[in-house]
Amino acid sequence: MFRTALIPLFFLLLAVLPLPLSAETGLPLQVTGPDRTVTLFDLEALDALPQESFVTGTIWTDGQAQFSGVPLAALLDRTGIAGMADQVELVALNDYRIEIPVAEIDPNAPIIATRVDGRAMPVREKGPFWLVYPYDRDSRYRTETTFARSIWQLTQVNAAR
């Protein structure tokens, strides 16, 4: 009887305790190329691509933080989107969608941040992937358009025409 009473308590604890970091960051990034080929990138696969890191403040966080991850340009090169598509569409977990002209993507910015201050980001903290610009580096990164493009909980990058 005592064991039976513990089962609901166990499930209640699972519901209120935070998930382990690996469970929350295990979502892959789905990239659809111009030929409609879909490639899934987990954290390890993204880490194998060229990396960029910078310290910046954001309008969504307090103070400065170090963001690190893959330059969007490098991901587009790797998947054949660069040079084959005029725009990319980025999609979040909640189906928020934005489009960015490929011509407006710099070689090192924005990045698909995989870590903030060296830690992987759980979904509850805008992860697992967040498109981030070095906002403090240049005033062109502090516009409404750029802020709207700074999509978090990123799940898809799609070639668009």
C-alpha atoms as a PDB file:
ATOM      1  CA  MET A   1       0.000   0.000   0.000  1.00  0.00           C
ATOM      2  CA  PHE A   2       2.828   2.395   0.894  1.00  0.00           C
ATOM      3  CA  ARG A   3       4.443   1.752  -2.496  1.00  0.00           C
ATOM      4  CA  THR A   4       1.181   2.439  -4.304  1.00  0.00           C
ATOM      5  CA  ALA A   5       0.887   5.801  -2.547  1.00  0.00           C
ATOM      6  CA  LEU A   6       4.369   6.804  -3.699  1.00  0.00           C
ATOM      7  CA  ILE A   7       3.615   6.376  -7.406  1.00  0.00           C
ATOM      8  CA  PRO A   8       1.444   9.534  -7.726  1.00  0.00           C
ATOM      9  CA  LEU A   9       4.013  11.451  -5.669  1.00  0.00           C
ATOM     10  CA  PHE A  10       6.764  10.311  -8.036  1.00  0.00           C
ATOM     11  CA  PHE A  11       4.861  11.551 -11.099  1.00  0.00           C
ATOM     12  CA  LEU A  12       4.076  14.835  -9.360  1.00  0.00           C
ATOM     13  CA  LEU A  13       7.787  15.378  -8.702  1.00  0.00           C
ATOM     14  CA  LEU A  14       8.601  14.616 -12.346  1.00  0.00           C
ATOM     15  CA  ALA A  15       6.102  17.261 -13.414  1.00  0.00           C
ATOM     16  CA  VAL A  16       7.489  20.067 -11.246  1.00  0.00           C
ATOM     17  CA  LEU A  17      11.231  19.387 -11.259  1.00  0.00           C
ATOM     18  CA  PRO A  18      13.275  20.838 -14.134  1.00  0.00           C
ATOM     19  CA  LEU A  19      14.265  18.414 -16.854  1.00  0.00           C
ATOM     20  CA  PRO A  20      17.925  17.488 -17.102  1.00  0.00           C
ATOM     21  CA  LEU A  21      19.834  19.744 -19.481  1.00  0.00           C
ATOM     22  CA  SER A  22      20.347  16.972 -22.014  1.00  0.00           C
ATOM     23  CA  ALA A  23      16.614  16.273 -22.240  1.00  0.00           C
ATOM     24  CA  GLU A  24      15.804  19.924 -22.878  1.00  0.00           C
ATOM     25  CA  THR A  25      18.532  20.547 -25.424  1.00  0.00           C
ATOM     26  CA  GLY A  26      18.070  17.296 -27.338  1.00  0.00           C
ATOM     27  CA  LEU A  27      15.902  18.925 -30.010  1.00  0.00           C
ATOM     28  CA  PRO A  28      17.598  18.939 -33.397  1.00  0.00           C
ATOM     29  CA  LEU A  29      17.729  21.866 -35.780  1.00  0.00           C
ATOM     30  CA  GLN A  30      16.011  20.904 -39.034  1.00  0.00           C
ATOM     31  CA  VAL A  31      17.484  22.517 -42.137  1.00  0.00           C
ATOM     32  CA  THR A  32      15.687  22.248 -45.480  1.00  0.00           C
ATOM     33  CA  GLY A  33      17.844  23.031 -48.488  1.00  0.00           C
ATOM     34  CA  PRO A  34      16.819  24.498 -51.834  1.00  0.00           C
ATOM     35  CA  ASP A  35      16.336  20.978 -53.230  1.00  0.00           C
ATOM     36  CA  ARG A  36      14.026  20.189 -50.251  1.00  0.00           C
ATOM     37  CA  THR A  37      16.616  17.865 -48.710  1.00  0.00           C
ATOM     38  CA  VAL A  38      16.206  17.871 -44.939  1.00  0.00           C
ATOM     39  CA  THR A  39      19.237  17.650 -42.669  1.00  0.00           C
ATOM     40  CA  LEU A  40      19.005  17.377 -38.885  1.00  0.00           C
ATOM     41  CA  PHE A  41      21.715  18.990 -36.776  1.00  0.00           C
ATOM     42  CA  ASP A  42      21.980  18.077 -33.122  1.00  0.00           C
ATOM     43  CA  LEU A  43      24.208  20.017 -30.742  1.00  0.00           C
ATOM     44  CA  GLU A  44      27.220  17.851 -31.586  1.00  0.00           C
ATOM     45  CA  ALA A  45      26.761  18.367 -35.333  1.00  0.00           C
ATOM     46  CA  LEU A  46      26.429  22.134 -34.882  1.00  0.00           C
ATOM     47  CA  ASP A  47      29.562  22.143 -32.719  1.00  0.00           C
ATOM     48  CA  ALA A  48      31.455  20.504 -35.603  1.00  0.00           C
ATOM     49  CA  LEU A  49      30.769  23.532 -37.831  1.00  0.00           C
ATOM     50  CA  PRO A  50      32.759  26.802 -37.671  1.00  0.00           C
ATOM     51  CA  GLN A  51      32.128  28.658 -34.412  1.00  0.00           C
ATOM     52  CA  GLU A  52      31.813  32.317 -33.460  1.00  0.00           C
ATOM     53  CA  SER A  53      31.587  33.904 -30.032  1.00  0.00           C
ATOM     54  CA  PHE A  54      30.885  37.417 -28.787  1.00  0.00           C
ATOM     55  CA  VAL A  55      29.802  39.276 -25.678  1.00  0.00           C
ATOM     56  CA  THR A  56      26.735  41.476 -25.992  1.00  0.00           C
ATOM     57  CA  GLY A  57      23.689  42.692 -24.162  1.00  0.00           C
ATOM     58  CA  THR A  58      20.178  41.998 -25.409  1.00  0.00           C
ATOM     59  CA  ILE A  59      16.805  43.598 -24.824  1.00  0.00           C
ATOM     60  CA  TRP A  60      15.599  40.248 -23.418  1.00  0.00           C
ATOM     61  CA  THR A  61      18.324  39.604 -20.841  1.00  0.00           C
ATOM     62  CA  ASP A  62      19.980  41.480 -18.001  1.00  0.00           C
ATOM     63  CA  GLY A  63      23.518  42.682 -18.577  1.00  0.00           C
ATOM     64  CA  GLN A  64      26.111  41.254 -20.900  1.00  0.00           C
ATOM     65  CA  ALA A  65      26.427  37.593 -21.835  1.00  0.00           C
ATOM     66  CA  GLN A  66      28.774  35.579 -24.009  1.00  0.00           C
ATOM     67  CA  PHE A  67      26.956  33.911 -26.893  1.00  0.00           C
ATOM     68  CA  SER A  68      28.628  31.186 -28.921  1.00  0.00           C
ATOM     69  CA  GLY A  69      27.519  29.044 -31.801  1.00  0.00           C
ATOM     70  CA  VAL A  70      27.482  28.642 -35.552  1.00  0.00           C
ATOM     71  CA  PRO A  71      27.392  31.665 -37.847  1.00  0.00           C
ATOM     72  CA  LEU A  72      24.185  31.435 -39.866  1.00  0.00           C
ATOM     73  CA  ALA A  73      26.298  32.027 -43.003  1.00  0.00           C
ATOM     74  CA  ALA A  74      28.381  28.901 -42.241  1.00  0.00           C
ATOM     75  CA  LEU A  75      25.253  26.774 -41.837  1.00  0.00           C
ATOM     76  CA  LEU A  76      23.864  28.108 -45.116  1.00  0.00           C
ATOM     77  CA  ASP A  77      27.156  27.320 -46.858  1.00  0.00           C
ATOM     78  CA  ARG A  78      27.249  23.797 -45.392  1.00  0.00           C
ATOM     79  CA  THR A  79      23.698  22.986 -46.515  1.00  0.00           C
ATOM     80  CA  GLY A  80      23.875  24.544 -49.980  1.00  0.00           C
ATOM     81  CA  ILE A  81      21.383  27.288 -49.205  1.00  0.00           C
ATOM     82  CA  ALA A  82      23.895  30.105 -49.746  1.00  0.00           C
ATOM     83  CA  GLY A  83      23.931  31.027 -53.411  1.00  0.00           C
ATOM     84  CA  MET A  84      20.830  28.950 -54.147  1.00  0.00           C
ATOM     85  CA  ALA A  85      18.147  30.824 -52.208  1.00  0.00           C
ATOM     86  CA  ASP A  86      17.329  34.494 -51.951  1.00  0.00           C
ATOM     87  CA  GLN A  87      15.924  34.203 -48.422  1.00  0.00           C
ATOM     88  CA  VAL A  88      15.884  31.862 -45.464  1.00  0.00           C
ATOM     89  CA  GLU A  89      12.912  31.219 -43.246  1.00  0.00           C
ATOM     90  CA  LEU A  90      13.514  30.511 -39.568  1.00  0.00           C
ATOM     91  CA  VAL A  91      10.843  28.822 -37.460  1.00  0.00           C
ATOM     92  CA  ALA A  92      10.514  28.581 -33.675  1.00  0.00           C
ATOM     93  CA  LEU A  93       8.886  25.937 -31.497  1.00  0.00           C
ATOM     94  CA  ASN A  94       5.760  28.105 -31.180  1.00  0.00           C
ATOM     95  CA  ASP A  95       5.600  28.466 -35.014  1.00  0.00           C
ATOM     96  CA  TYR A  96       6.892  32.070 -34.974  1.00  0.00           C
ATOM     97  CA  ARG A  97       8.409  32.572 -38.418  1.00  0.00           C
ATOM     98  CA  ILE A  98      10.710  35.164 -39.888  1.00  0.00           C
ATOM     99  CA  GLU A  99      12.494  35.549 -43.201  1.00  0.00           C
ATOM    100  CA  ILE A 100      15.942  37.001 -43.729  1.00  0.00           C
ATOM    101  CA  PRO A 101      17.374  37.939 -47.127  1.00  0.00           C
ATOM    102  CA  VAL A 102      20.561  35.918 -47.608  1.00  0.00           C
ATOM    103  CA  ALA A 103      22.305  39.075 -48.863  1.00  0.00           C
ATOM    104  CA  GLU A 104      21.843  40.641 -45.394  1.00  0.00           C
ATOM    105  CA  ILE A 105      23.655  37.845 -43.543  1.00  0.00           C
ATOM    106  CA  ASP A 106      27.246  38.694 -42.626  1.00  0.00           C
ATOM    107  CA  PRO A 107      29.957  36.002 -42.503  1.00  0.00           C
ATOM    108  CA  ASN A 108      30.100  36.088 -38.679  1.00  0.00           C
ATOM    109  CA  ALA A 109      26.679  37.460 -37.693  1.00  0.00           C
ATOM    110  CA  PRO A 110      24.112  36.494 -36.785  1.00  0.00           C
ATOM    111  CA  ILE A 111      24.977  33.242 -35.070  1.00  0.00           C
ATOM    112  CA  ILE A 112      22.785  30.351 -34.128  1.00  0.00           C
ATOM    113  CA  ALA A 113      23.741  30.466 -30.475  1.00  0.00           C
ATOM    114  CA  THR A 114      24.040  27.054 -28.887  1.00  0.00           C
ATOM    115  CA  ARG A 115      25.432  28.346 -25.596  1.00  0.00           C
ATOM    116  CA  VAL A 116      25.163  31.357 -23.319  1.00  0.00           C
ATOM    117  CA  ASP A 117      28.107  31.904 -20.985  1.00  0.00           C
ATOM    118  CA  GLY A 118      29.395  28.453 -21.941  1.00  0.00           C
ATOM    119  CA  ARG A 119      26.205  26.563 -21.061  1.00  0.00           C
ATOM    120  CA  ALA A 120      23.744  24.925 -23.428  1.00  0.00           C
ATOM    121  CA  MET A 121      20.352  26.628 -23.330  1.00  0.00           C
ATOM    122  CA  PRO A 122      17.285  24.738 -22.181  1.00  0.00           C
ATOM    123  CA  VAL A 123      13.981  25.488 -23.902  1.00  0.00           C
ATOM    124  CA  ARG A 124      12.886  27.461 -20.836  1.00  0.00           C
ATOM    125  CA  GLU A 125      15.800  29.843 -21.416  1.00  0.00           C
ATOM    126  CA  LYS A 126      15.268  30.536 -25.123  1.00  0.00           C
ATOM    127  CA  GLY A 127      17.049  27.379 -26.274  1.00  0.00           C
ATOM    128  CA  PRO A 128      18.061  25.085 -27.542  1.00  0.00           C
ATOM    129  CA  PHE A 129      19.041  27.472 -30.345  1.00  0.00           C
ATOM    130  CA  TRP A 130      18.718  31.254 -30.540  1.00  0.00           C
ATOM    131  CA  LEU A 131      19.565  33.510 -33.480  1.00  0.00           C
ATOM    132  CA  VAL A 132      21.657  36.288 -31.925  1.00  0.00           C
ATOM    133  CA  TYR A 133      23.370  39.343 -33.349  1.00  0.00           C
ATOM    134  CA  PRO A 134      26.265  41.231 -31.712  1.00  0.00           C
ATOM    135  CA  TYR A 135      23.849  44.032 -30.782  1.00  0.00           C
ATOM    136  CA  ASP A 136      26.478  46.129 -28.990  1.00  0.00           C
ATOM    137  CA  ARG A 137      28.954  45.986 -31.897  1.00  0.00           C
ATOM    138  CA  ASP A 138      27.060  48.121 -34.411  1.00  0.00           C
ATOM    139  CA  SER A 139      23.930  50.279 -34.432  1.00  0.00           C
ATOM    140  CA  ARG A 140      22.612  48.387 -37.470  1.00  0.00           C
ATOM    141  CA  TYR A 141      22.095  45.423 -35.138  1.00  0.00           C
ATOM    142  CA  ARG A 142      19.856  47.511 -32.853  1.00  0.00           C
ATOM    143  CA  THR A 143      16.823  47.943 -35.097  1.00  0.00           C
ATOM    144  CA  GLU A 144      13.276  46.656 -34.869  1.00  0.00           C
ATOM    145  CA  THR A 145      13.937  44.464 -37.901  1.00  0.00           C
ATOM    146  CA  THR A 146      16.978  42.860 -36.290  1.00  0.00           C
ATOM    147  CA  PHE A 147      15.163  42.359 -32.986  1.00  0.00           C
ATOM    148  CA  ALA A 148      12.265  40.688 -34.840  1.00  0.00           C
ATOM    149  CA  ARG A 149      14.759  38.363 -36.551  1.00  0.00           C
ATOM    150  CA  SER A 150      16.331  37.341 -33.229  1.00  0.00           C
ATOM    151  CA  ILE A 151      14.273  34.187 -32.999  1.00  0.00           C
ATOM    152  CA  TRP A 152      14.691  31.879 -30.020  1.00  0.00           C
ATOM    153  CA  GLN A 153      13.636  28.261 -29.523  1.00  0.00           C
ATOM    154  CA  LEU A 154      14.711  27.873 -33.138  1.00  0.00           C
ATOM    155  CA  THR A 155      13.777  24.515 -34.689  1.00  0.00           C
ATOM    156  CA  GLN A 156      13.946  25.045 -38.461  1.00  0.00           C
ATOM    157  CA  VAL A 157      15.963  26.876 -41.089  1.00  0.00           C
ATOM    158  CA  ASN A 158      14.414  26.620 -44.555  1.00  0.00           C
ATOM    159  CA  ALA A 159      15.534  27.822 -47.961  1.00  0.00           C
ATOM    160  CA  ALA A 160      12.976  30.241 -49.385  1.00  0.00           C
ATOM    161  CA  ARG A 161      12.682  32.066 -52.688  1.00  0.00           C
END
